[in-house]
Amino acid sequence: MGVLDGKYDDLSEQSFYMVGGIEEVIAKAEKIAKESAA
């Protein structure tokens, strides 16, 4: 299991807030990163 294995430890806690599956977490993390870079 990826979460328990630490596979997603590099994603911010905010990425996990109010989302469904891990695919949504990854998408939200990418969106946050893009907004931070702008």
N, C-alpha and C. Protein backbone atom coordinates (compact mmCIF):
# COMPACT_ATOMS: atom_id res chain seq x y z
N MET A 1 0.85 -1.18 0.00
CA MET A 1 0.00 0.00 0.00
C MET A 1 0.89 1.24 0.00
N GLY A 2 0.72 2.09 -0.95
CA GLY A 2 1.61 3.23 -1.15
C GLY A 2 1.67 4.22 -0.01
N VAL A 3 0.53 4.59 0.55
CA VAL A 3 0.51 5.59 1.61
C VAL A 3 1.26 5.07 2.84
N LEU A 4 0.99 3.85 3.23
CA LEU A 4 1.64 3.28 4.41
C LEU A 4 3.12 3.03 4.19
N ASP A 5 3.52 2.83 2.96
CA ASP A 5 4.92 2.59 2.64
C ASP A 5 5.72 3.89 2.52
N GLY A 6 5.06 5.02 2.61
CA GLY A 6 5.75 6.31 2.50
C GLY A 6 5.93 6.79 1.08
N LYS A 7 5.23 6.16 0.14
CA LYS A 7 5.38 6.50 -1.27
C LYS A 7 4.97 7.95 -1.56
N TYR A 8 4.06 8.49 -0.76
CA TYR A 8 3.53 9.83 -1.01
C TYR A 8 3.95 10.83 0.06
N ASP A 9 5.01 10.54 0.79
CA ASP A 9 5.47 11.43 1.85
C ASP A 9 5.92 12.79 1.33
N ASP A 10 6.28 12.87 0.06
CA ASP A 10 6.73 14.14 -0.50
C ASP A 10 5.57 15.09 -0.81
N LEU A 11 4.33 14.59 -0.79
CA LEU A 11 3.17 15.44 -1.05
C LEU A 11 2.76 16.16 0.23
N SER A 12 2.34 17.41 0.08
CA SER A 12 1.97 18.19 1.26
C SER A 12 0.68 17.67 1.88
N GLU A 13 0.52 17.95 3.14
CA GLU A 13 -0.70 17.54 3.85
C GLU A 13 -1.93 18.17 3.20
N GLN A 14 -1.77 19.40 2.70
CA GLN A 14 -2.86 20.11 2.04
C GLN A 14 -3.37 19.34 0.82
N SER A 15 -2.50 18.60 0.18
CA SER A 15 -2.88 17.82 -1.01
C SER A 15 -3.88 16.72 -0.68
N PHE A 16 -3.84 16.23 0.55
CA PHE A 16 -4.72 15.14 0.97
C PHE A 16 -6.06 15.63 1.51
N TYR A 17 -6.18 16.93 1.74
CA TYR A 17 -7.37 17.48 2.39
C TYR A 17 -8.56 17.55 1.42
N MET A 18 -9.67 16.95 1.82
CA MET A 18 -10.94 17.02 1.09
C MET A 18 -10.86 16.47 -0.34
N VAL A 19 -10.18 15.35 -0.51
CA VAL A 19 -10.14 14.68 -1.82
C VAL A 19 -10.51 13.22 -1.64
N GLY A 20 -10.68 12.53 -2.73
CA GLY A 20 -11.06 11.12 -2.69
C GLY A 20 -9.86 10.21 -2.75
N GLY A 21 -9.63 9.61 -3.91
CA GLY A 21 -8.55 8.65 -4.08
C GLY A 21 -7.19 9.29 -4.26
N ILE A 22 -6.18 8.46 -4.29
CA ILE A 22 -4.80 8.94 -4.40
C ILE A 22 -4.57 9.67 -5.72
N GLU A 23 -5.31 9.32 -6.76
CA GLU A 23 -5.19 10.03 -8.04
C GLU A 23 -5.56 11.50 -7.87
N GLU A 24 -6.60 11.75 -7.08
CA GLU A 24 -7.02 13.13 -6.82
C GLU A 24 -5.99 13.86 -5.97
N VAL A 25 -5.37 13.16 -5.06
CA VAL A 25 -4.32 13.76 -4.22
C VAL A 25 -3.16 14.21 -5.10
N ILE A 26 -2.74 13.36 -6.01
CA ILE A 26 -1.63 13.68 -6.90
C ILE A 26 -1.99 14.87 -7.78
N ALA A 27 -3.20 14.88 -8.32
CA ALA A 27 -3.64 15.99 -9.17
C ALA A 27 -3.68 17.29 -8.37
N LYS A 28 -4.17 17.23 -7.14
CA LYS A 28 -4.23 18.43 -6.31
C LYS A 28 -2.83 18.92 -5.97
N ALA A 29 -1.92 18.01 -5.70
CA ALA A 29 -0.53 18.39 -5.41
C ALA A 29 0.10 19.10 -6.60
N GLU A 30 -0.16 18.59 -7.80
CA GLU A 30 0.36 19.22 -9.01
C GLU A 30 -0.23 20.61 -9.20
N LYS A 31 -1.52 20.75 -8.92
CA LYS A 31 -2.18 22.05 -9.04
C LYS A 31 -1.60 23.05 -8.04
N ILE A 32 -1.39 22.60 -6.81
CA ILE A 32 -0.82 23.48 -5.78
C ILE A 32 0.59 23.91 -6.19
N ALA A 33 1.38 22.98 -6.70
CA ALA A 33 2.75 23.30 -7.13
C ALA A 33 2.74 24.31 -8.27
N LYS A 34 1.83 24.12 -9.21
CA LYS A 34 1.74 25.03 -10.35
C LYS A 34 1.34 26.43 -9.89
N GLU A 35 0.38 26.52 -8.96
CA GLU A 35 -0.07 27.81 -8.45
C GLU A 35 1.03 28.49 -7.64
N SER A 36 1.82 27.72 -6.93
CA SER A 36 2.91 28.28 -6.12
C SER A 36 4.02 28.84 -7.01
N ALA A 37 4.22 28.21 -8.15
CA ALA A 37 5.29 28.63 -9.06
C ALA A 37 4.90 29.89 -9.85
N ALA A 38 3.63 30.15 -9.97
CA ALA A 38 3.16 31.29 -10.77
C ALA A 38 3.33 32.61 -10.07
